[in-house]
């Protein structure tokens, strides 16, 4: 089996770039930067550029949304 015949494995994204995170939240990158400065969102600095964990984005949304909107 050569490279083109190998089945592709879909790996879910665990973190988003600054632009991807802003797009996912429906805000501008500048607004995302302001949320970071206000310590409302905390990016990982594991790499040279900030990465926003999907779980961190979900935590931010839950923390800033009234409880009535989060029915489980």
Foldseek 3Di string as FASTA:
>chain_A
DDPVPDDDDDDDDQWAALCVLCVVVVHHSVVVVVCVVVVLAPFDPPDVGTIGGPVRSVVSVCVPDDPVVDDD
